[in-house]
Amino acid sequence: MKINGKTKSYPGNIYTVIGKNGKITVVNEMPIETYLAGILPSELFPSAPMEALKAQAVAARGQVLSKMGSRHMANPFHLCSEIHCQVYRGLDKVYKRTTKAVKKTRGQVLFDKKGLPADTVYHSSSGGHGENNELVWGGQPRSYLRGRTDGGSFTKITSKNINSFLSNKTFSYCKQGNKYFRWEKTFKRNQISRLLKKYGLKGYLEKIRINKRGVSGRAVAIKFSSRRNSIIIKGELKIRRALANLYSSLFTVEKNKTGFTFRGGGFGHGVGMSQWGAINRAKKGQSFKKILYHYYYKTKLKKLY
């Protein structure tokens, strides 16, 4: 099949149907394990340690099962091919190591204490400490998605200790090889004011105040003020989106002559498994089960099929 002039390989059955927008929608139907073989190379480096790839395979399988029937209810498909569900680009880029990880964990799924498939969300890097699920997306707290340290001594990050935590001396499993473990980004005053205009800010931004942080130190409520008015944005994901999809909301902010400088850590929402943490835990000899049990607290791994 050719998409945008490029040949793509899709297994199973291909259907063309009318979508909810009245336009033709192409749907690919296939077995879940075949689907996972296509997902894994897009979600984690094929060169990653095998135990990390196996942990990723279980997490991705859990995402498929937990999201089917809860998303795209009005669409003629269960899951989309974008990051909203999981990235899937067919089988034109399939690797032996990632496919092996899928096969080695065939049918294995994590379950919560109620006996339901765990919502095994994951992200690139926690920056050293995970976050509670409800502080990112809202909804009910999940017992297995509690923000935990990724190997360091900080059990909770607060406004008082965040500067120390964000120093490069901080130990974390997700640090080695990860260029986004610590980062810095500066927005010019007119640039950030323009970004916040759509959220109701009038005029030029004068002050940023972090009203609330999560257990990981991620900002979950921020007050932005100009001389004309103030707005408050709540929720880790909403904050990142408001700031041009900033790497994470785990940051401190400082005003300078031309704008505002954000100094932070991690990449992504911080809930569930840190992929860089999994990679470096595997390099230290941890099994995929041990990796999973750290990031999805008190779940049980069972073989469904």
C-alpha atoms as a PDB file:
ATOM      1  CA  MET A   1       0.000   0.000   0.000  1.00  0.00           C
ATOM      2  CA  LYS A   2       1.255   3.506  -0.834  1.00  0.00           C
ATOM      3  CA  ILE A   3       0.638   6.335   1.664  1.00  0.00           C
ATOM      4  CA  ASN A   4       1.853   9.836   0.769  1.00  0.00           C
ATOM      5  CA  GLY A   5       3.974   8.296  -1.963  1.00  0.00           C
ATOM      6  CA  LYS A   6       5.670   5.812   0.369  1.00  0.00           C
ATOM      7  CA  THR A   7       5.138   2.056   0.275  1.00  0.00           C
ATOM      8  CA  LYS A   8       3.880   0.659   3.588  1.00  0.00           C
ATOM      9  CA  SER A   9       3.379  -2.971   4.588  1.00  0.00           C
ATOM     10  CA  TYR A  10       0.225  -3.774   6.547  1.00  0.00           C
ATOM     11  CA  PRO A  11      -0.625  -7.359   7.575  1.00  0.00           C
ATOM     12  CA  GLY A  12      -4.073  -8.885   7.931  1.00  0.00           C
ATOM     13  CA  ASN A  13      -7.158  -7.396   6.322  1.00  0.00           C
ATOM     14  CA  ILE A  14      -7.588  -3.875   4.962  1.00  0.00           C
ATOM     15  CA  TYR A  15     -11.061  -2.315   4.885  1.00  0.00           C
ATOM     16  CA  THR A  16     -12.218   1.002   3.474  1.00  0.00           C
ATOM     17  CA  VAL A  17     -15.279   2.333   5.279  1.00  0.00           C
ATOM     18  CA  ILE A  18     -17.034   5.616   5.898  1.00  0.00           C
ATOM     19  CA  GLY A  19     -15.771   7.273   9.079  1.00  0.00           C
ATOM     20  CA  LYS A  20     -17.680   9.499  11.494  1.00  0.00           C
ATOM     21  CA  ASN A  21     -16.622  12.584   9.521  1.00  0.00           C
ATOM     22  CA  GLY A  22     -18.237  11.174   6.365  1.00  0.00           C
ATOM     23  CA  LYS A  23     -14.882  10.546   4.697  1.00  0.00           C
ATOM     24  CA  ILE A  24     -13.303   7.260   3.648  1.00  0.00           C
ATOM     25  CA  THR A  25     -11.375   5.619   6.501  1.00  0.00           C
ATOM     26  CA  VAL A  26      -8.833   2.840   5.992  1.00  0.00           C
ATOM     27  CA  VAL A  27      -8.937   0.197   8.738  1.00  0.00           C
ATOM     28  CA  ASN A  28      -6.324  -2.502   9.305  1.00  0.00           C
ATOM     29  CA  GLU A  29      -7.549  -5.660  11.082  1.00  0.00           C
ATOM     30  CA  MET A  30      -4.954  -8.055  12.524  1.00  0.00           C
ATOM     31  CA  PRO A  31      -4.116 -10.256  15.558  1.00  0.00           C
ATOM     32  CA  ILE A  32      -2.967  -8.362  18.644  1.00  0.00           C
ATOM     33  CA  GLU A  33       0.509  -9.937  18.687  1.00  0.00           C
ATOM     34  CA  THR A  34       1.103  -8.918  15.057  1.00  0.00           C
ATOM     35  CA  TYR A  35      -0.047  -5.417  15.963  1.00  0.00           C
ATOM     36  CA  LEU A  36       2.422  -5.300  18.854  1.00  0.00           C
ATOM     37  CA  ALA A  37       5.301  -6.305  16.563  1.00  0.00           C
ATOM     38  CA  GLY A  38       4.543  -3.150  14.579  1.00  0.00           C
ATOM     39  CA  ILE A  39       4.147  -0.951  17.661  1.00  0.00           C
ATOM     40  CA  LEU A  40       7.321  -1.811  19.549  1.00  0.00           C
ATOM     41  CA  PRO A  41       9.943  -0.379  17.148  1.00  0.00           C
ATOM     42  CA  SER A  42       8.080   2.964  17.205  1.00  0.00           C
ATOM     43  CA  GLU A  43       7.939   3.083  21.003  1.00  0.00           C
ATOM     44  CA  LEU A  44      11.404   1.906  22.105  1.00  0.00           C
ATOM     45  CA  PHE A  45      14.843   1.609  20.501  1.00  0.00           C
ATOM     46  CA  PRO A  46      15.237  -1.860  18.920  1.00  0.00           C
ATOM     47  CA  SER A  47      18.795  -1.789  20.301  1.00  0.00           C
ATOM     48  CA  ALA A  48      17.526  -1.515  23.902  1.00  0.00           C
ATOM     49  CA  PRO A  49      18.324  -4.411  26.305  1.00  0.00           C
ATOM     50  CA  MET A  50      16.018  -7.387  25.813  1.00  0.00           C
ATOM     51  CA  GLU A  51      14.530  -7.159  29.322  1.00  0.00           C
ATOM     52  CA  ALA A  52      13.566  -3.534  28.653  1.00  0.00           C
ATOM     53  CA  LEU A  53      11.991  -4.529  25.329  1.00  0.00           C
ATOM     54  CA  LYS A  54      10.035  -7.293  27.053  1.00  0.00           C
ATOM     55  CA  ALA A  55       8.791  -4.825  29.682  1.00  0.00           C
ATOM     56  CA  GLN A  56       7.758  -2.486  26.851  1.00  0.00           C
ATOM     57  CA  ALA A  57       5.940  -5.332  25.079  1.00  0.00           C
ATOM     58  CA  VAL A  58       3.891  -6.115  28.199  1.00  0.00           C
ATOM     59  CA  ALA A  59       3.121  -2.424  28.764  1.00  0.00           C
ATOM     60  CA  ALA A  60       2.078  -1.957  25.119  1.00  0.00           C
ATOM     61  CA  ARG A  61      -0.122  -5.072  25.275  1.00  0.00           C
ATOM     62  CA  GLY A  62      -1.793  -3.701  28.392  1.00  0.00           C
ATOM     63  CA  GLN A  63      -2.436  -0.414  26.622  1.00  0.00           C
ATOM     64  CA  VAL A  64      -4.191  -2.209  23.788  1.00  0.00           C
ATOM     65  CA  LEU A  65      -6.476  -4.168  26.136  1.00  0.00           C
ATOM     66  CA  SER A  66      -7.236  -1.278  28.491  1.00  0.00           C
ATOM     67  CA  LYS A  67      -8.077   1.169  25.697  1.00  0.00           C
ATOM     68  CA  MET A  68     -10.141  -1.060  23.412  1.00  0.00           C
ATOM     69  CA  GLY A  69     -13.792  -0.249  23.921  1.00  0.00           C
ATOM     70  CA  SER A  70     -13.045   2.994  25.745  1.00  0.00           C
ATOM     71  CA  ARG A  71     -11.834   5.154  22.845  1.00  0.00           C
ATOM     72  CA  HIS A  72     -13.008   6.000  19.328  1.00  0.00           C
ATOM     73  CA  MET A  73     -16.516   4.807  20.146  1.00  0.00           C
ATOM     74  CA  ALA A  74     -17.945   6.615  17.114  1.00  0.00           C
ATOM     75  CA  ASN A  75     -15.238   5.424  14.747  1.00  0.00           C
ATOM     76  CA  PRO A  76     -15.191   2.200  12.690  1.00  0.00           C
ATOM     77  CA  PHE A  77     -12.025   1.065  14.508  1.00  0.00           C
ATOM     78  CA  HIS A  78     -10.933   0.330  18.075  1.00  0.00           C
ATOM     79  CA  LEU A  79      -7.586   2.153  18.173  1.00  0.00           C
ATOM     80  CA  CYS A  80      -5.889   4.860  16.122  1.00  0.00           C
ATOM     81  CA  SER A  81      -2.321   4.690  14.804  1.00  0.00           C
ATOM     82  CA  GLU A  82      -1.063   7.823  16.575  1.00  0.00           C
ATOM     83  CA  ILE A  83       0.406   8.545  20.021  1.00  0.00           C
ATOM     84  CA  HIS A  84      -3.152   9.042  21.341  1.00  0.00           C
ATOM     85  CA  CYS A  85      -3.427   5.237  21.416  1.00  0.00           C
ATOM     86  CA  GLN A  86       0.002   3.933  20.391  1.00  0.00           C
ATOM     87  CA  VAL A  87       2.183   4.706  17.391  1.00  0.00           C
ATOM     88  CA  TYR A  88       1.699   2.124  14.626  1.00  0.00           C
ATOM     89  CA  ARG A  89       3.249   2.406  11.177  1.00  0.00           C
ATOM     90  CA  GLY A  90       2.579  -1.057   9.801  1.00  0.00           C
ATOM     91  CA  LEU A  91       5.285  -3.696   9.415  1.00  0.00           C
ATOM     92  CA  ASP A  92       7.667  -1.889   7.078  1.00  0.00           C
ATOM     93  CA  LYS A  93      10.035  -1.343  10.002  1.00  0.00           C
ATOM     94  CA  VAL A  94       9.993  -4.562  12.009  1.00  0.00           C
ATOM     95  CA  TYR A  95      13.090  -5.725  13.850  1.00  0.00           C
ATOM     96  CA  LYS A  96      14.021  -9.216  15.008  1.00  0.00           C
ATOM     97  CA  ARG A  97      14.797  -8.065  18.579  1.00  0.00           C
ATOM     98  CA  THR A  98      11.502  -6.229  19.125  1.00  0.00           C
ATOM     99  CA  THR A  99       9.502  -9.072  17.569  1.00  0.00           C
ATOM    100  CA  LYS A 100      11.390 -11.517  19.803  1.00  0.00           C
ATOM    101  CA  ALA A 101      10.378  -9.453  22.866  1.00  0.00           C
ATOM    102  CA  VAL A 102       6.732  -9.691  21.801  1.00  0.00           C
ATOM    103  CA  LYS A 103       6.993 -13.455  21.284  1.00  0.00           C
ATOM    104  CA  LYS A 104       8.831 -14.002  24.589  1.00  0.00           C
ATOM    105  CA  THR A 105       5.995 -12.283  26.479  1.00  0.00           C
ATOM    106  CA  ARG A 106       3.124 -13.579  24.355  1.00  0.00           C
ATOM    107  CA  GLY A 107      -0.226 -13.137  26.101  1.00  0.00           C
ATOM    108  CA  GLN A 108       1.285 -11.702  29.292  1.00  0.00           C
ATOM    109  CA  VAL A 109      -0.682  -8.838  30.845  1.00  0.00           C
ATOM    110  CA  LEU A 110      -0.538  -6.909  34.115  1.00  0.00           C
ATOM    111  CA  PHE A 111      -3.680  -6.903  36.257  1.00  0.00           C
ATOM    112  CA  ASP A 112      -4.664  -4.592  39.113  1.00  0.00           C
ATOM    113  CA  LYS A 113      -5.927  -5.710  42.516  1.00  0.00           C
ATOM    114  CA  LYS A 114      -9.519  -5.753  41.204  1.00  0.00           C
ATOM    115  CA  GLY A 115      -8.595  -8.277  38.532  1.00  0.00           C
ATOM    116  CA  LEU A 116      -8.819  -5.802  35.641  1.00  0.00           C
ATOM    117  CA  PRO A 117      -6.131  -5.188  33.006  1.00  0.00           C
ATOM    118  CA  ALA A 118      -3.911  -2.397  34.284  1.00  0.00           C
ATOM    119  CA  ASP A 119      -3.736   0.826  32.307  1.00  0.00           C
ATOM    120  CA  THR A 120      -0.019   0.461  31.661  1.00  0.00           C
ATOM    121  CA  VAL A 121       0.765   3.975  30.465  1.00  0.00           C
ATOM    122  CA  TYR A 122       4.389   4.882  29.865  1.00  0.00           C
ATOM    123  CA  HIS A 123       6.591   7.829  28.912  1.00  0.00           C
ATOM    124  CA  SER A 124      10.121   8.563  27.767  1.00  0.00           C
ATOM    125  CA  SER A 125      11.705   9.801  31.000  1.00  0.00           C
ATOM    126  CA  SER A 126      10.377  10.682  34.453  1.00  0.00           C
ATOM    127  CA  GLY A 127      13.313  12.952  35.189  1.00  0.00           C
ATOM    128  CA  GLY A 128      13.931  10.944  38.351  1.00  0.00           C
ATOM    129  CA  HIS A 129      10.477  10.738  39.936  1.00  0.00           C
ATOM    130  CA  GLY A 130       7.125   9.488  38.654  1.00  0.00           C
ATOM    131  CA  GLU A 131       3.762  11.250  38.975  1.00  0.00           C
ATOM    132  CA  ASN A 132       0.269  10.270  40.158  1.00  0.00           C
ATOM    133  CA  ASN A 133      -2.133   9.605  37.277  1.00  0.00           C
ATOM    134  CA  GLU A 134      -4.976  11.893  38.463  1.00  0.00           C
ATOM    135  CA  LEU A 135      -2.679  14.929  38.527  1.00  0.00           C
ATOM    136  CA  VAL A 136      -1.992  14.527  34.814  1.00  0.00           C
ATOM    137  CA  TRP A 137      -5.346  13.533  33.294  1.00  0.00           C
ATOM    138  CA  GLY A 138      -7.804  13.921  36.171  1.00  0.00           C
ATOM    139  CA  GLY A 139     -10.148  11.052  37.021  1.00  0.00           C
ATOM    140  CA  GLN A 140      -9.807   8.560  39.859  1.00  0.00           C
ATOM    141  CA  PRO A 141      -6.410   7.748  41.396  1.00  0.00           C
ATOM    142  CA  ARG A 142      -5.099   4.327  40.397  1.00  0.00           C
ATOM    143  CA  SER A 143      -3.260   2.421  43.114  1.00  0.00           C
ATOM    144  CA  TYR A 144      -0.656   1.088  40.674  1.00  0.00           C
ATOM    145  CA  LEU A 145       0.051   4.484  39.096  1.00  0.00           C
ATOM    146  CA  ARG A 146       1.548   6.238  42.110  1.00  0.00           C
ATOM    147  CA  GLY A 147       4.476   8.577  41.584  1.00  0.00           C
ATOM    148  CA  ARG A 148       7.633   6.934  42.928  1.00  0.00           C
ATOM    149  CA  THR A 149      11.318   7.764  42.924  1.00  0.00           C
ATOM    150  CA  ASP A 150      13.265   6.141  40.092  1.00  0.00           C
ATOM    151  CA  GLY A 151      16.159   5.097  42.255  1.00  0.00           C
ATOM    152  CA  GLY A 152      17.098   8.323  44.031  1.00  0.00           C
ATOM    153  CA  SER A 153      16.731   9.437  47.642  1.00  0.00           C
ATOM    154  CA  PHE A 154      13.960  11.992  47.043  1.00  0.00           C
ATOM    155  CA  THR A 155      10.631  10.449  48.087  1.00  0.00           C
ATOM    156  CA  LYS A 156       8.658  13.597  47.236  1.00  0.00           C
ATOM    157  CA  ILE A 157       9.643  16.729  45.360  1.00  0.00           C
ATOM    158  CA  THR A 158       8.480  20.066  46.776  1.00  0.00           C
ATOM    159  CA  SER A 159       9.093  23.752  46.132  1.00  0.00           C
ATOM    160  CA  LYS A 160      11.726  23.644  48.869  1.00  0.00           C
ATOM    161  CA  ASN A 161      13.868  20.826  47.475  1.00  0.00           C
ATOM    162  CA  ILE A 162      13.214  21.009  43.720  1.00  0.00           C
ATOM    163  CA  ASN A 163      16.363  23.010  42.945  1.00  0.00           C
ATOM    164  CA  SER A 164      18.466  20.369  44.662  1.00  0.00           C
ATOM    165  CA  PHE A 165      16.568  17.612  42.898  1.00  0.00           C
ATOM    166  CA  LEU A 166      17.079  19.171  39.482  1.00  0.00           C
ATOM    167  CA  SER A 167      20.837  19.414  39.932  1.00  0.00           C
ATOM    168  CA  ASN A 168      22.712  17.015  37.652  1.00  0.00           C
ATOM    169  CA  LYS A 169      24.113  15.233  40.703  1.00  0.00           C
ATOM    170  CA  THR A 170      20.765  13.543  41.288  1.00  0.00           C
ATOM    171  CA  PHE A 171      20.871   9.748  40.829  1.00  0.00           C
ATOM    172  CA  SER A 172      18.191   8.142  38.709  1.00  0.00           C
ATOM    173  CA  TYR A 173      17.886   5.036  36.560  1.00  0.00           C
ATOM    174  CA  CYS A 174      16.573   7.202  33.722  1.00  0.00           C
ATOM    175  CA  LYS A 175      19.661   9.453  33.679  1.00  0.00           C
ATOM    176  CA  GLN A 176      22.350   7.556  31.742  1.00  0.00           C
ATOM    177  CA  GLY A 177      22.300   8.250  27.995  1.00  0.00           C
ATOM    178  CA  ASN A 178      19.196  10.436  28.256  1.00  0.00           C
ATOM    179  CA  LYS A 179      19.647  13.956  26.882  1.00  0.00           C
ATOM    180  CA  TYR A 180      16.287  15.038  28.321  1.00  0.00           C
ATOM    181  CA  PHE A 181      17.078  13.980  31.881  1.00  0.00           C
ATOM    182  CA  ARG A 182      17.797  17.670  32.486  1.00  0.00           C
ATOM    183  CA  TRP A 183      17.001  20.438  30.025  1.00  0.00           C
ATOM    184  CA  GLU A 184      16.592  24.183  29.632  1.00  0.00           C
ATOM    185  CA  LYS A 185      14.309  26.201  27.355  1.00  0.00           C
ATOM    186  CA  THR A 186      13.845  29.971  27.059  1.00  0.00           C
ATOM    187  CA  PHE A 187      10.759  31.676  25.682  1.00  0.00           C
ATOM    188  CA  LYS A 188      10.901  35.297  24.562  1.00  0.00           C
ATOM    189  CA  ARG A 189       8.288  37.481  26.245  1.00  0.00           C
ATOM    190  CA  ASN A 190       6.227  38.067  23.098  1.00  0.00           C
ATOM    191  CA  GLN A 191       6.422  34.372  22.179  1.00  0.00           C
ATOM    192  CA  ILE A 192       5.057  33.055  25.482  1.00  0.00           C
ATOM    193  CA  SER A 193       2.462  35.847  25.639  1.00  0.00           C
ATOM    194  CA  ARG A 194       1.215  34.817  22.202  1.00  0.00           C
ATOM    195  CA  LEU A 195       0.999  31.164  23.306  1.00  0.00           C
ATOM    196  CA  LEU A 196      -1.064  32.086  26.370  1.00  0.00           C
ATOM    197  CA  LYS A 197      -3.383  34.450  24.505  1.00  0.00           C
ATOM    198  CA  LYS A 198      -5.553  31.527  23.398  1.00  0.00           C
ATOM    199  CA  TYR A 199      -5.994  30.637  27.068  1.00  0.00           C
ATOM    200  CA  GLY A 200      -7.282  34.110  27.925  1.00  0.00           C
ATOM    201  CA  LEU A 201      -4.171  36.091  28.844  1.00  0.00           C
ATOM    202  CA  LYS A 202      -4.385  39.748  27.781  1.00  0.00           C
ATOM    203  CA  GLY A 203      -1.262  41.712  26.999  1.00  0.00           C
ATOM    204  CA  TYR A 204       2.319  40.738  27.793  1.00  0.00           C
ATOM    205  CA  LEU A 205       3.146  38.136  30.407  1.00  0.00           C
ATOM    206  CA  GLU A 206       4.738  39.673  33.511  1.00  0.00           C
ATOM    207  CA  LYS A 207       4.807  36.900  36.107  1.00  0.00           C
ATOM    208  CA  ILE A 208       4.589  33.119  36.421  1.00  0.00           C
ATOM    209  CA  ARG A 209       3.689  31.524  39.729  1.00  0.00           C
ATOM    210  CA  ILE A 210       3.521  27.767  40.310  1.00  0.00           C
ATOM    211  CA  ASN A 211       0.561  27.277  42.654  1.00  0.00           C
ATOM    212  CA  LYS A 212       0.739  23.514  43.034  1.00  0.00           C
ATOM    213  CA  ARG A 213       3.160  20.682  42.329  1.00  0.00           C
ATOM    214  CA  GLY A 214       2.618  16.928  42.193  1.00  0.00           C
ATOM    215  CA  VAL A 215       4.659  14.357  44.105  1.00  0.00           C
ATOM    216  CA  SER A 216       7.250  14.378  41.304  1.00  0.00           C
ATOM    217  CA  GLY A 217       7.620  18.154  41.440  1.00  0.00           C
ATOM    218  CA  ARG A 218       5.665  18.560  38.220  1.00  0.00           C
ATOM    219  CA  ALA A 219       3.651  21.750  38.050  1.00  0.00           C
ATOM    220  CA  VAL A 220      -0.053  20.896  38.075  1.00  0.00           C
ATOM    221  CA  ALA A 221      -1.454  24.430  38.581  1.00  0.00           C
ATOM    222  CA  ILE A 222       0.197  27.618  37.308  1.00  0.00           C
ATOM    223  CA  LYS A 223      -0.876  31.260  37.504  1.00  0.00           C
ATOM    224  CA  PHE A 224       0.186  33.449  34.565  1.00  0.00           C
ATOM    225  CA  SER A 225      -0.206  37.201  35.079  1.00  0.00           C
ATOM    226  CA  SER A 226      -0.008  40.274  32.861  1.00  0.00           C
ATOM    227  CA  ARG A 227      -0.767  43.868  33.838  1.00  0.00           C
ATOM    228  CA  ARG A 228      -4.290  43.395  32.485  1.00  0.00           C
ATOM    229  CA  ASN A 229      -5.364  40.031  33.931  1.00  0.00           C
ATOM    230  CA  SER A 230      -4.364  36.622  35.259  1.00  0.00           C
ATOM    231  CA  ILE A 231      -5.178  33.090  34.171  1.00  0.00           C
ATOM    232  CA  ILE A 232      -4.708  29.741  35.916  1.00  0.00           C
ATOM    233  CA  ILE A 233      -3.990  26.556  33.970  1.00  0.00           C
ATOM    234  CA  LYS A 234      -4.471  23.274  35.812  1.00  0.00           C
ATOM    235  CA  GLY A 235      -3.287  19.783  34.897  1.00  0.00           C
ATOM    236  CA  GLU A 236       0.173  18.603  33.877  1.00  0.00           C
ATOM    237  CA  LEU A 237      -0.835  17.823  30.295  1.00  0.00           C
ATOM    238  CA  LYS A 238      -2.677  21.136  29.799  1.00  0.00           C
ATOM    239  CA  ILE A 239       0.329  23.060  31.112  1.00  0.00           C
ATOM    240  CA  ARG A 240       2.711  21.353  28.691  1.00  0.00           C
ATOM    241  CA  ARG A 241       0.381  21.971  25.770  1.00  0.00           C
ATOM    242  CA  ALA A 242      -0.001  25.628  26.699  1.00  0.00           C
ATOM    243  CA  LEU A 243       3.791  25.978  26.628  1.00  0.00           C
ATOM    244  CA  ALA A 244       4.248  24.666  23.083  1.00  0.00           C
ATOM    245  CA  ASN A 245       4.390  21.005  24.193  1.00  0.00           C
ATOM    246  CA  LEU A 246       7.214  21.580  26.652  1.00  0.00           C
ATOM    247  CA  TYR A 247       9.196  18.411  27.439  1.00  0.00           C
ATOM    248  CA  SER A 248       7.577  18.067  30.879  1.00  0.00           C
ATOM    249  CA  SER A 249       6.056  20.239  33.602  1.00  0.00           C
ATOM    250  CA  LEU A 250       8.833  19.258  36.022  1.00  0.00           C
ATOM    251  CA  PHE A 251      10.585  22.619  36.041  1.00  0.00           C
ATOM    252  CA  THR A 252      11.493  25.844  37.772  1.00  0.00           C
ATOM    253  CA  VAL A 253      11.032  29.145  35.957  1.00  0.00           C
ATOM    254  CA  GLU A 254      13.005  32.367  36.046  1.00  0.00           C
ATOM    255  CA  LYS A 255      12.254  35.724  34.453  1.00  0.00           C
ATOM    256  CA  ASN A 256      15.064  37.363  32.507  1.00  0.00           C
ATOM    257  CA  LYS A 257      15.528  40.507  30.396  1.00  0.00           C
ATOM    258  CA  THR A 258      13.954  39.037  27.255  1.00  0.00           C
ATOM    259  CA  GLY A 259      11.482  36.483  28.606  1.00  0.00           C
ATOM    260  CA  PHE A 260      11.328  33.383  30.800  1.00  0.00           C
ATOM    261  CA  THR A 261      13.737  30.470  31.213  1.00  0.00           C
ATOM    262  CA  PHE A 262      12.439  27.033  32.200  1.00  0.00           C
ATOM    263  CA  ARG A 263      14.903  24.571  33.750  1.00  0.00           C
ATOM    264  CA  GLY A 264      13.513  21.104  34.097  1.00  0.00           C
ATOM    265  CA  GLY A 265      13.818  17.371  33.865  1.00  0.00           C
ATOM    266  CA  GLY A 266      12.238  14.448  32.067  1.00  0.00           C
ATOM    267  CA  PHE A 267      10.246  13.989  28.890  1.00  0.00           C
ATOM    268  CA  GLY A 268       6.548  13.213  29.090  1.00  0.00           C
ATOM    269  CA  HIS A 269       3.850  13.000  31.729  1.00  0.00           C
ATOM    270  CA  GLY A 270       5.802  10.899  34.224  1.00  0.00           C
ATOM    271  CA  VAL A 271       3.055   8.338  34.877  1.00  0.00           C
ATOM    272  CA  GLY A 272       3.777   4.610  34.772  1.00  0.00           C
ATOM    273  CA  MET A 273       6.935   3.237  33.187  1.00  0.00           C
ATOM    274  CA  SER A 274       9.887   5.441  32.346  1.00  0.00           C
ATOM    275  CA  GLN A 275      11.357   3.982  29.160  1.00  0.00           C
ATOM    276  CA  TRP A 276      14.831   5.324  29.913  1.00  0.00           C
ATOM    277  CA  GLY A 277      14.473   3.975  33.428  1.00  0.00           C
ATOM    278  CA  ALA A 278      13.571   0.551  32.027  1.00  0.00           C
ATOM    279  CA  ILE A 279      16.575   0.619  29.683  1.00  0.00           C
ATOM    280  CA  ASN A 280      19.060   1.407  32.432  1.00  0.00           C
ATOM    281  CA  ARG A 281      17.447  -0.953  34.948  1.00  0.00           C
ATOM    282  CA  ALA A 282      17.826  -3.730  32.366  1.00  0.00           C
ATOM    283  CA  LYS A 283      21.476  -2.773  31.867  1.00  0.00           C
ATOM    284  CA  LYS A 284      21.925  -3.204  35.626  1.00  0.00           C
ATOM    285  CA  GLY A 285      20.573  -6.751  35.361  1.00  0.00           C
ATOM    286  CA  GLN A 286      16.941  -6.277  36.380  1.00  0.00           C
ATOM    287  CA  SER A 287      14.416  -8.644  34.786  1.00  0.00           C
ATOM    288  CA  PHE A 288      11.430  -7.373  32.862  1.00  0.00           C
ATOM    289  CA  LYS A 289       9.165  -8.504  35.701  1.00  0.00           C
ATOM    290  CA  LYS A 290      11.117  -6.527  38.286  1.00  0.00           C
ATOM    291  CA  ILE A 291      11.037  -3.478  36.016  1.00  0.00           C
ATOM    292  CA  LEU A 292       7.270  -3.759  35.570  1.00  0.00           C
ATOM    293  CA  TYR A 293       6.582  -4.281  39.260  1.00  0.00           C
ATOM    294  CA  HIS A 294       8.473  -1.107  40.107  1.00  0.00           C
ATOM    295  CA  TYR A 295       6.610   1.134  37.680  1.00  0.00           C
ATOM    296  CA  TYR A 296       3.176  -0.512  38.097  1.00  0.00           C
ATOM    297  CA  TYR A 297       3.026  -0.908  41.852  1.00  0.00           C
ATOM    298  CA  LYS A 298       1.470  -4.097  43.266  1.00  0.00           C
ATOM    299  CA  THR A 299       0.135  -5.421  39.973  1.00  0.00           C
ATOM    300  CA  LYS A 300       0.236  -9.096  38.962  1.00  0.00           C
ATOM    301  CA  LEU A 301       1.564 -10.486  35.714  1.00  0.00           C
ATOM    302  CA  LYS A 302      -0.681 -13.166  34.210  1.00  0.00           C
ATOM    303  CA  LYS A 303      -0.669 -15.078  30.921  1.00  0.00           C
ATOM    304  CA  LEU A 304      -4.021 -14.613  29.164  1.00  0.00           C
ATOM    305  CA  TYR A 305      -3.275 -16.794  26.147  1.00  0.00           C
END
